[in-house]
Structures are given as structure tokens and as C-alpha cells.
Amino acid sequence: VTQNKVVTPQTPRSSSGVVTAANST
């Protein structure tokens, strides 16, 4: 961490997932 410096994302990412069953919890 460097004082007074803005930290921005360095690596663009995308991801996905699939749900098929119901969740009620």
C-alpha cells in the first residue's frame, strides 16, 4: 500500500455460473 495513491483493478475479469435447483435456505 502506498500512501495517497488510488488503487484500481489491474486485471479485467469476467466469470459466470449456472444454477438449476431451487434454494430456499
mmCIF file of all heavy atoms, coordinates in Angstrom:
data_MODEL
# 
_entry.id   MODEL 
# 
loop_
_atom_site.group_PDB 
_atom_site.id 
_atom_site.type_symbol 
_atom_site.label_atom_id 
_atom_site.label_alt_id 
_atom_site.label_comp_id 
_atom_site.label_asym_id 
_atom_site.label_entity_id 
_atom_site.label_seq_id 
_atom_site.pdbx_PDB_ins_code 
_atom_site.Cartn_x 
_atom_site.Cartn_y 
_atom_site.Cartn_z 
_atom_site.occupancy 
_atom_site.B_iso_or_equiv 
_atom_site.pdbx_formal_charge 
_atom_site.auth_seq_id 
_atom_site.auth_comp_id 
_atom_site.auth_asym_id 
_atom_site.auth_atom_id 
_atom_site.pdbx_PDB_model_num 
ATOM 1   N N   . VAL A 1 1  ? 0.850   -1.190  0.000   1.00 0.00 ? 1  VAL A N   1 
ATOM 2   C CA  . VAL A 1 1  ? 0.000   0.000   0.000   1.00 0.00 ? 1  VAL A CA  1 
ATOM 3   C C   . VAL A 1 1  ? 0.883   1.235   0.000   1.00 0.00 ? 1  VAL A C   1 
ATOM 4   O O   . VAL A 1 1  ? 1.822   1.342   0.784   1.00 0.00 ? 1  VAL A O   1 
ATOM 5   C CB  . VAL A 1 1  ? -0.919  0.015   1.242   1.00 0.00 ? 1  VAL A CB  1 
ATOM 6   C CG1 . VAL A 1 1  ? -1.714  1.294   1.306   1.00 0.00 ? 1  VAL A CG1 1 
ATOM 7   C CG2 . VAL A 1 1  ? -1.821  -1.195  1.237   1.00 0.00 ? 1  VAL A CG2 1 
ATOM 8   N N   . THR A 1 2  ? 0.592   2.164   -0.903  1.00 0.00 ? 2  THR A N   1 
ATOM 9   C CA  . THR A 1 2  ? 1.329   3.414   -0.988  1.00 0.00 ? 2  THR A CA  1 
ATOM 10  C C   . THR A 1 2  ? 0.402   4.539   -0.566  1.00 0.00 ? 2  THR A C   1 
ATOM 11  O O   . THR A 1 2  ? -0.713  4.651   -1.074  1.00 0.00 ? 2  THR A O   1 
ATOM 12  C CB  . THR A 1 2  ? 1.823   3.658   -2.439  1.00 0.00 ? 2  THR A CB  1 
ATOM 13  O OG1 . THR A 1 2  ? 2.590   2.529   -2.845  1.00 0.00 ? 2  THR A OG1 1 
ATOM 14  C CG2 . THR A 1 2  ? 2.663   4.910   -2.519  1.00 0.00 ? 2  THR A CG2 1 
ATOM 15  N N   . GLN A 1 3  ? 0.832   5.353   0.372   1.00 0.00 ? 3  GLN A N   1 
ATOM 16  C CA  . GLN A 1 3  ? 0.027   6.470   0.865   1.00 0.00 ? 3  GLN A CA  1 
ATOM 17  C C   . GLN A 1 3  ? -0.408  7.389   -0.274  1.00 0.00 ? 3  GLN A C   1 
ATOM 18  O O   . GLN A 1 3  ? 0.361   7.687   -1.179  1.00 0.00 ? 3  GLN A O   1 
ATOM 19  C CB  . GLN A 1 3  ? 0.845   7.294   1.872   1.00 0.00 ? 3  GLN A CB  1 
ATOM 20  C CG  . GLN A 1 3  ? 1.099   6.572   3.159   1.00 0.00 ? 3  GLN A CG  1 
ATOM 21  C CD  . GLN A 1 3  ? 0.036   6.885   4.193   1.00 0.00 ? 3  GLN A CD  1 
ATOM 22  O OE1 . GLN A 1 3  ? -0.789  7.749   4.012   1.00 0.00 ? 3  GLN A OE1 1 
ATOM 23  N NE2 . GLN A 1 3  ? 0.051   6.155   5.287   1.00 0.00 ? 3  GLN A NE2 1 
ATOM 24  N N   . ASN A 1 4  ? -1.678  7.831   -0.208  1.00 0.00 ? 4  ASN A N   1 
ATOM 25  C CA  . ASN A 1 4  ? -2.229  8.817   -1.129  1.00 0.00 ? 4  ASN A CA  1 
ATOM 26  C C   . ASN A 1 4  ? -2.200  8.392   -2.597  1.00 0.00 ? 4  ASN A C   1 
ATOM 27  O O   . ASN A 1 4  ? -2.075  9.230   -3.486  1.00 0.00 ? 4  ASN A O   1 
ATOM 28  C CB  . ASN A 1 4  ? -1.522  10.172  -0.964  1.00 0.00 ? 4  ASN A CB  1 
ATOM 29  C CG  . ASN A 1 4  ? -1.685  10.714  0.431   1.00 0.00 ? 4  ASN A CG  1 
ATOM 30  O OD1 . ASN A 1 4  ? -2.768  10.645  0.999   1.00 0.00 ? 4  ASN A OD1 1 
ATOM 31  N ND2 . ASN A 1 4  ? -0.610  11.210  1.004   1.00 0.00 ? 4  ASN A ND2 1 
ATOM 32  N N   . LYS A 1 5  ? -2.293  7.116   -2.850  1.00 0.00 ? 5  LYS A N   1 
ATOM 33  C CA  . LYS A 1 5  ? -2.350  6.610   -4.217  1.00 0.00 ? 5  LYS A CA  1 
ATOM 34  C C   . LYS A 1 5  ? -3.640  5.827   -4.398  1.00 0.00 ? 5  LYS A C   1 
ATOM 35  O O   . LYS A 1 5  ? -4.006  5.008   -3.557  1.00 0.00 ? 5  LYS A O   1 
ATOM 36  C CB  . LYS A 1 5  ? -1.155  5.688   -4.530  1.00 0.00 ? 5  LYS A CB  1 
ATOM 37  C CG  . LYS A 1 5  ? 0.187   6.358   -4.405  1.00 0.00 ? 5  LYS A CG  1 
ATOM 38  C CD  . LYS A 1 5  ? 0.396   7.357   -5.497  1.00 0.00 ? 5  LYS A CD  1 
ATOM 39  C CE  . LYS A 1 5  ? 1.769   7.982   -5.332  1.00 0.00 ? 5  LYS A CE  1 
ATOM 40  N NZ  . LYS A 1 5  ? 2.034   9.018   -6.277  1.00 0.00 ? 5  LYS A NZ  1 
ATOM 41  N N   . VAL A 1 6  ? -4.313  6.048   -5.494  1.00 0.00 ? 6  VAL A N   1 
ATOM 42  C CA  . VAL A 1 6  ? -5.538  5.327   -5.791  1.00 0.00 ? 6  VAL A CA  1 
ATOM 43  C C   . VAL A 1 6  ? -5.182  3.926   -6.279  1.00 0.00 ? 6  VAL A C   1 
ATOM 44  O O   . VAL A 1 6  ? -4.318  3.762   -7.140  1.00 0.00 ? 6  VAL A O   1 
ATOM 45  C CB  . VAL A 1 6  ? -6.361  6.068   -6.866  1.00 0.00 ? 6  VAL A CB  1 
ATOM 46  C CG1 . VAL A 1 6  ? -7.565  5.251   -7.285  1.00 0.00 ? 6  VAL A CG1 1 
ATOM 47  C CG2 . VAL A 1 6  ? -6.781  7.426   -6.359  1.00 0.00 ? 6  VAL A CG2 1 
ATOM 48  N N   . VAL A 1 7  ? -5.832  2.936   -5.722  1.00 0.00 ? 7  VAL A N   1 
ATOM 49  C CA  . VAL A 1 7  ? -5.614  1.554   -6.155  1.00 0.00 ? 7  VAL A CA  1 
ATOM 50  C C   . VAL A 1 7  ? -6.784  1.174   -7.053  1.00 0.00 ? 7  VAL A C   1 
ATOM 51  O O   . VAL A 1 7  ? -7.946  1.271   -6.659  1.00 0.00 ? 7  VAL A O   1 
ATOM 52  C CB  . VAL A 1 7  ? -5.539  0.596   -4.949  1.00 0.00 ? 7  VAL A CB  1 
ATOM 53  C CG1 . VAL A 1 7  ? -5.357  -0.840  -5.421  1.00 0.00 ? 7  VAL A CG1 1 
ATOM 54  C CG2 . VAL A 1 7  ? -4.414  1.007   -4.026  1.00 0.00 ? 7  VAL A CG2 1 
ATOM 55  N N   . THR A 1 8  ? -6.483  0.784   -8.268  1.00 0.00 ? 8  THR A N   1 
ATOM 56  C CA  . THR A 1 8  ? -7.522  0.394   -9.216  1.00 0.00 ? 8  THR A CA  1 
ATOM 57  C C   . THR A 1 8  ? -7.310  -1.062  -9.640  1.00 0.00 ? 8  THR A C   1 
ATOM 58  O O   . THR A 1 8  ? -6.210  -1.596  -9.499  1.00 0.00 ? 8  THR A O   1 
ATOM 59  C CB  . THR A 1 8  ? -7.485  1.293   -10.470 1.00 0.00 ? 8  THR A CB  1 
ATOM 60  O OG1 . THR A 1 8  ? -6.199  1.147   -11.093 1.00 0.00 ? 8  THR A OG1 1 
ATOM 61  C CG2 . THR A 1 8  ? -7.710  2.754   -10.110 1.00 0.00 ? 8  THR A CG2 1 
ATOM 62  N N   . PRO A 1 9  ? -8.335  -1.698  -10.147 1.00 0.00 ? 9  PRO A N   1 
ATOM 63  C CA  . PRO A 1 9  ? -8.162  -3.070  -10.627 1.00 0.00 ? 9  PRO A CA  1 
ATOM 64  C C   . PRO A 1 9  ? -7.072  -3.145  -11.703 1.00 0.00 ? 9  PRO A C   1 
ATOM 65  O O   . PRO A 1 9  ? -6.976  -2.277  -12.569 1.00 0.00 ? 9  PRO A O   1 
ATOM 66  C CB  . PRO A 1 9  ? -9.534  -3.422  -11.207 1.00 0.00 ? 9  PRO A CB  1 
ATOM 67  C CG  . PRO A 1 9  ? -10.482 -2.558  -10.451 1.00 0.00 ? 9  PRO A CG  1 
ATOM 68  C CD  . PRO A 1 9  ? -9.733  -1.269  -10.246 1.00 0.00 ? 9  PRO A CD  1 
ATOM 69  N N   . GLN A 1 10 ? -6.284  -4.197  -11.612 1.00 0.00 ? 10 GLN A N   1 
ATOM 70  C CA  . GLN A 1 10 ? -5.171  -4.378  -12.540 1.00 0.00 ? 10 GLN A CA  1 
ATOM 71  C C   . GLN A 1 10 ? -5.464  -5.390  -13.643 1.00 0.00 ? 10 GLN A C   1 
ATOM 72  O O   . GLN A 1 10 ? -4.859  -5.330  -14.709 1.00 0.00 ? 10 GLN A O   1 
ATOM 73  C CB  . GLN A 1 10 ? -3.924  -4.833  -11.761 1.00 0.00 ? 10 GLN A CB  1 
ATOM 74  C CG  . GLN A 1 10 ? -3.507  -3.875  -10.666 1.00 0.00 ? 10 GLN A CG  1 
ATOM 75  C CD  . GLN A 1 10 ? -3.143  -2.512  -11.199 1.00 0.00 ? 10 GLN A CD  1 
ATOM 76  O OE1 . GLN A 1 10 ? -2.250  -2.390  -12.029 1.00 0.00 ? 10 GLN A OE1 1 
ATOM 77  N NE2 . GLN A 1 10 ? -3.831  -1.484  -10.741 1.00 0.00 ? 10 GLN A NE2 1 
ATOM 78  N N   . THR A 1 11 ? -6.379  -6.316  -13.371 1.00 0.00 ? 11 THR A N   1 
ATOM 79  C CA  . THR A 1 11 ? -6.675  -7.374  -14.323 1.00 0.00 ? 11 THR A CA  1 
ATOM 80  C C   . THR A 1 11 ? -8.171  -7.461  -14.558 1.00 0.00 ? 11 THR A C   1 
ATOM 81  O O   . THR A 1 11 ? -8.917  -7.829  -13.652 1.00 0.00 ? 11 THR A O   1 
ATOM 82  C CB  . THR A 1 11 ? -6.175  -8.738  -13.792 1.00 0.00 ? 11 THR A CB  1 
ATOM 83  O OG1 . THR A 1 11 ? -4.798  -8.623  -13.440 1.00 0.00 ? 11 THR A OG1 1 
ATOM 84  C CG2 . THR A 1 11 ? -6.364  -9.837  -14.815 1.00 0.00 ? 11 THR A CG2 1 
ATOM 85  N N   . PRO A 1 12 ? -8.652  -7.123  -15.757 1.00 0.00 ? 12 PRO A N   1 
ATOM 86  C CA  . PRO A 1 12 ? -10.085 -7.265  -16.043 1.00 0.00 ? 12 PRO A CA  1 
ATOM 87  C C   . PRO A 1 12 ? -10.499 -8.728  -15.948 1.00 0.00 ? 12 PRO A C   1 
ATOM 88  O O   . PRO A 1 12 ? -9.743  -9.620  -16.341 1.00 0.00 ? 12 PRO A O   1 
ATOM 89  C CB  . PRO A 1 12 ? -10.220 -6.763  -17.483 1.00 0.00 ? 12 PRO A CB  1 
ATOM 90  C CG  . PRO A 1 12 ? -8.968  -6.000  -17.757 1.00 0.00 ? 12 PRO A CG  1 
ATOM 91  C CD  . PRO A 1 12 ? -7.916  -6.591  -16.888 1.00 0.00 ? 12 PRO A CD  1 
ATOM 92  N N   . ARG A 1 13 ? -11.699 -8.957  -15.410 1.00 0.00 ? 13 ARG A N   1 
ATOM 93  C CA  . ARG A 1 13 ? -12.179 -10.331 -15.240 1.00 0.00 ? 13 ARG A CA  1 
ATOM 94  C C   . ARG A 1 13 ? -13.652 -10.422 -15.533 1.00 0.00 ? 13 ARG A C   1 
ATOM 95  O O   . ARG A 1 13 ? -14.412 -9.485  -15.294 1.00 0.00 ? 13 ARG A O   1 
ATOM 96  C CB  . ARG A 1 13 ? -11.991 -10.774 -13.777 1.00 0.00 ? 13 ARG A CB  1 
ATOM 97  C CG  . ARG A 1 13 ? -10.596 -10.850 -13.260 1.00 0.00 ? 13 ARG A CG  1 
ATOM 98  C CD  . ARG A 1 13 ? -10.047 -12.245 -13.083 1.00 0.00 ? 13 ARG A CD  1 
ATOM 99  N NE  . ARG A 1 13 ? -10.990 -13.296 -12.775 1.00 0.00 ? 13 ARG A NE  1 
ATOM 100 C CZ  . ARG A 1 13 ? -11.466 -13.570 -11.566 1.00 0.00 ? 13 ARG A CZ  1 
ATOM 101 N NH1 . ARG A 1 13 ? -11.101 -12.877 -10.522 1.00 0.00 ? 13 ARG A NH1 1 
ATOM 102 N NH2 . ARG A 1 13 ? -12.316 -14.566 -11.392 1.00 0.00 ? 13 ARG A NH2 1 
ATOM 103 N N   . SER A 1 14 ? -14.067 -11.570 -16.010 1.00 0.00 ? 14 SER A N   1 
ATOM 104 C CA  . SER A 1 14 ? -15.486 -11.904 -16.103 1.00 0.00 ? 14 SER A CA  1 
ATOM 105 C C   . SER A 1 14 ? -15.614 -13.378 -15.753 1.00 0.00 ? 14 SER A C   1 
ATOM 106 O O   . SER A 1 14 ? -14.672 -14.157 -15.915 1.00 0.00 ? 14 SER A O   1 
ATOM 107 C CB  . SER A 1 14 ? -16.052 -11.614 -17.491 1.00 0.00 ? 14 SER A CB  1 
ATOM 108 O OG  . SER A 1 14 ? -15.468 -12.468 -18.442 1.00 0.00 ? 14 SER A OG  1 
ATOM 109 N N   . SER A 1 15 ? -16.772 -13.723 -15.229 1.00 0.00 ? 15 SER A N   1 
ATOM 110 C CA  . SER A 1 15 ? -16.996 -15.087 -14.787 1.00 0.00 ? 15 SER A CA  1 
ATOM 111 C C   . SER A 1 15 ? -18.491 -15.359 -14.851 1.00 0.00 ? 15 SER A C   1 
ATOM 112 O O   . SER A 1 15 ? -19.299 -14.428 -14.882 1.00 0.00 ? 15 SER A O   1 
ATOM 113 C CB  . SER A 1 15 ? -16.487 -15.247 -13.353 1.00 0.00 ? 15 SER A CB  1 
ATOM 114 O OG  . SER A 1 15 ? -16.655 -16.562 -12.890 1.00 0.00 ? 15 SER A OG  1 
ATOM 115 N N   . SER A 1 16 ? -18.863 -16.629 -14.860 1.00 0.00 ? 16 SER A N   1 
ATOM 116 C CA  . SER A 1 16 ? -20.284 -16.962 -14.856 1.00 0.00 ? 16 SER A CA  1 
ATOM 117 C C   . SER A 1 16 ? -20.501 -18.294 -14.153 1.00 0.00 ? 16 SER A C   1 
ATOM 118 O O   . SER A 1 16 ? -19.567 -19.053 -13.930 1.00 0.00 ? 16 SER A O   1 
ATOM 119 C CB  . SER A 1 16 ? -20.834 -17.018 -16.284 1.00 0.00 ? 16 SER A CB  1 
ATOM 120 O OG  . SER A 1 16 ? -20.197 -18.048 -17.011 1.00 0.00 ? 16 SER A OG  1 
ATOM 121 N N   . GLY A 1 17 ? -21.747 -18.530 -13.799 1.00 0.00 ? 17 GLY A N   1 
ATOM 122 C CA  . GLY A 1 17 ? -22.131 -19.786 -13.166 1.00 0.00 ? 17 GLY A CA  1 
ATOM 123 C C   . GLY A 1 17 ? -23.591 -20.058 -13.468 1.00 0.00 ? 17 GLY A C   1 
ATOM 124 O O   . GLY A 1 17 ? -24.354 -19.137 -13.776 1.00 0.00 ? 17 GLY A O   1 
ATOM 125 N N   . VAL A 1 18 ? -23.990 -21.313 -13.385 1.00 0.00 ? 18 VAL A N   1 
ATOM 126 C CA  . VAL A 1 18 ? -25.355 -21.718 -13.711 1.00 0.00 ? 18 VAL A CA  1 
ATOM 127 C C   . VAL A 1 18 ? -25.985 -22.402 -12.505 1.00 0.00 ? 18 VAL A C   1 
ATOM 128 O O   . VAL A 1 18 ? -25.360 -23.276 -11.891 1.00 0.00 ? 18 VAL A O   1 
ATOM 129 C CB  . VAL A 1 18 ? -25.372 -22.686 -14.919 1.00 0.00 ? 18 VAL A CB  1 
ATOM 130 C CG1 . VAL A 1 18 ? -26.784 -23.149 -15.228 1.00 0.00 ? 18 VAL A CG1 1 
ATOM 131 C CG2 . VAL A 1 18 ? -24.738 -22.019 -16.132 1.00 0.00 ? 18 VAL A CG2 1 
ATOM 132 N N   . VAL A 1 19 ? -27.209 -22.005 -12.178 1.00 0.00 ? 19 VAL A N   1 
ATOM 133 C CA  . VAL A 1 19 ? -27.970 -22.678 -11.123 1.00 0.00 ? 19 VAL A CA  1 
ATOM 134 C C   . VAL A 1 19 ? -29.166 -23.377 -11.765 1.00 0.00 ? 19 VAL A C   1 
ATOM 135 O O   . VAL A 1 19 ? -29.775 -22.847 -12.691 1.00 0.00 ? 19 VAL A O   1 
ATOM 136 C CB  . VAL A 1 19 ? -28.428 -21.708 -10.013 1.00 0.00 ? 19 VAL A CB  1 
ATOM 137 C CG1 . VAL A 1 19 ? -27.232 -21.105 -9.315  1.00 0.00 ? 19 VAL A CG1 1 
ATOM 138 C CG2 . VAL A 1 19 ? -29.318 -20.617 -10.539 1.00 0.00 ? 19 VAL A CG2 1 
ATOM 139 N N   . THR A 1 20 ? -29.466 -24.576 -11.295 1.00 0.00 ? 20 THR A N   1 
ATOM 140 C CA  . THR A 1 20 ? -30.591 -25.339 -11.834 1.00 0.00 ? 20 THR A CA  1 
ATOM 141 C C   . THR A 1 20 ? -31.601 -25.742 -10.753 1.00 0.00 ? 20 THR A C   1 
ATOM 142 O O   . THR A 1 20 ? -32.778 -25.872 -11.034 1.00 0.00 ? 20 THR A O   1 
ATOM 143 C CB  . THR A 1 20 ? -30.105 -26.623 -12.545 1.00 0.00 ? 20 THR A CB  1 
ATOM 144 O OG1 . THR A 1 20 ? -29.341 -27.397 -11.631 1.00 0.00 ? 20 THR A OG1 1 
ATOM 145 C CG2 . THR A 1 20 ? -29.260 -26.275 -13.773 1.00 0.00 ? 20 THR A CG2 1 
ATOM 146 N N   . ALA A 1 21 ? -31.127 -25.960 -9.535  1.00 0.00 ? 21 ALA A N   1 
ATOM 147 C CA  . ALA A 1 21 ? -32.006 -26.395 -8.442  1.00 0.00 ? 21 ALA A CA  1 
ATOM 148 C C   . ALA A 1 21 ? -32.455 -25.192 -7.615  1.00 0.00 ? 21 ALA A C   1 
ATOM 149 O O   . ALA A 1 21 ? -31.775 -24.163 -7.575  1.00 0.00 ? 21 ALA A O   1 
ATOM 150 C CB  . ALA A 1 21 ? -31.284 -27.402 -7.558  1.00 0.00 ? 21 ALA A CB  1 
ATOM 151 N N   . ALA A 1 22 ? -33.578 -25.332 -6.937  1.00 0.00 ? 22 ALA A N   1 
ATOM 152 C CA  . ALA A 1 22 ? -34.119 -24.246 -6.114  1.00 0.00 ? 22 ALA A CA  1 
ATOM 153 C C   . ALA A 1 22 ? -33.405 -24.170 -4.774  1.00 0.00 ? 22 ALA A C   1 
ATOM 154 O O   . ALA A 1 22 ? -33.027 -25.188 -4.198  1.00 0.00 ? 22 ALA A O   1 
ATOM 155 C CB  . ALA A 1 22 ? -35.612 -24.454 -5.886  1.00 0.00 ? 22 ALA A CB  1 
ATOM 156 N N   . ASN A 1 23 ? -33.229 -22.947 -4.287  1.00 0.00 ? 23 ASN A N   1 
ATOM 157 C CA  . ASN A 1 23 ? -32.692 -22.715 -2.950  1.00 0.00 ? 23 ASN A CA  1 
ATOM 158 C C   . ASN A 1 23 ? -33.747 -21.993 -2.121  1.00 0.00 ? 23 ASN A C   1 
ATOM 159 O O   . ASN A 1 23 ? -34.277 -20.971 -2.548  1.00 0.00 ? 23 ASN A O   1 
ATOM 160 C CB  . ASN A 1 23 ? -31.426 -21.860 -2.998  1.00 0.00 ? 23 ASN A CB  1 
ATOM 161 C CG  . ASN A 1 23 ? -30.941 -21.527 -1.600  1.00 0.00 ? 23 ASN A CG  1 
ATOM 162 O OD1 . ASN A 1 23 ? -30.643 -22.408 -0.816  1.00 0.00 ? 23 ASN A OD1 1 
ATOM 163 N ND2 . ASN A 1 23 ? -30.904 -20.254 -1.279  1.00 0.00 ? 23 ASN A ND2 1 
ATOM 164 N N   . SER A 1 24 ? -34.016 -22.500 -0.931  1.00 0.00 ? 24 SER A N   1 
ATOM 165 C CA  . SER A 1 24 ? -34.963 -21.836 -0.038  1.00 0.00 ? 24 SER A CA  1 
ATOM 166 C C   . SER A 1 24 ? -34.347 -21.600 1.336   1.00 0.00 ? 24 SER A C   1 
ATOM 167 O O   . SER A 1 24 ? -35.046 -21.329 2.299   1.00 0.00 ? 24 SER A O   1 
ATOM 168 C CB  . SER A 1 24 ? -36.239 -22.673 0.100   1.00 0.00 ? 24 SER A CB  1 
ATOM 169 O OG  . SER A 1 24 ? -35.925 -23.952 0.627   1.00 0.00 ? 24 SER A OG  1 
ATOM 170 N N   . THR A 1 25 ? -33.026 -21.701 1.419   1.00 0.00 ? 25 THR A N   1 
ATOM 171 C CA  . THR A 1 25 ? -32.315 -21.538 2.681   1.00 0.00 ? 25 THR A CA  1 
ATOM 172 C C   . THR A 1 25 ? -31.537 -20.229 2.669   1.00 0.00 ? 25 THR A C   1 
ATOM 173 O O   . THR A 1 25 ? -30.694 -20.027 1.807   1.00 0.00 ? 25 THR A O   1 
ATOM 174 C CB  . THR A 1 25 ? -31.334 -22.714 2.897   1.00 0.00 ? 25 THR A CB  1 
ATOM 175 O OG1 . THR A 1 25 ? -32.056 -23.926 2.734   1.00 0.00 ? 25 THR A OG1 1 
ATOM 176 C CG2 . THR A 1 25 ? -30.699 -22.666 4.256   1.00 0.00 ? 25 THR A CG2 1 
# 
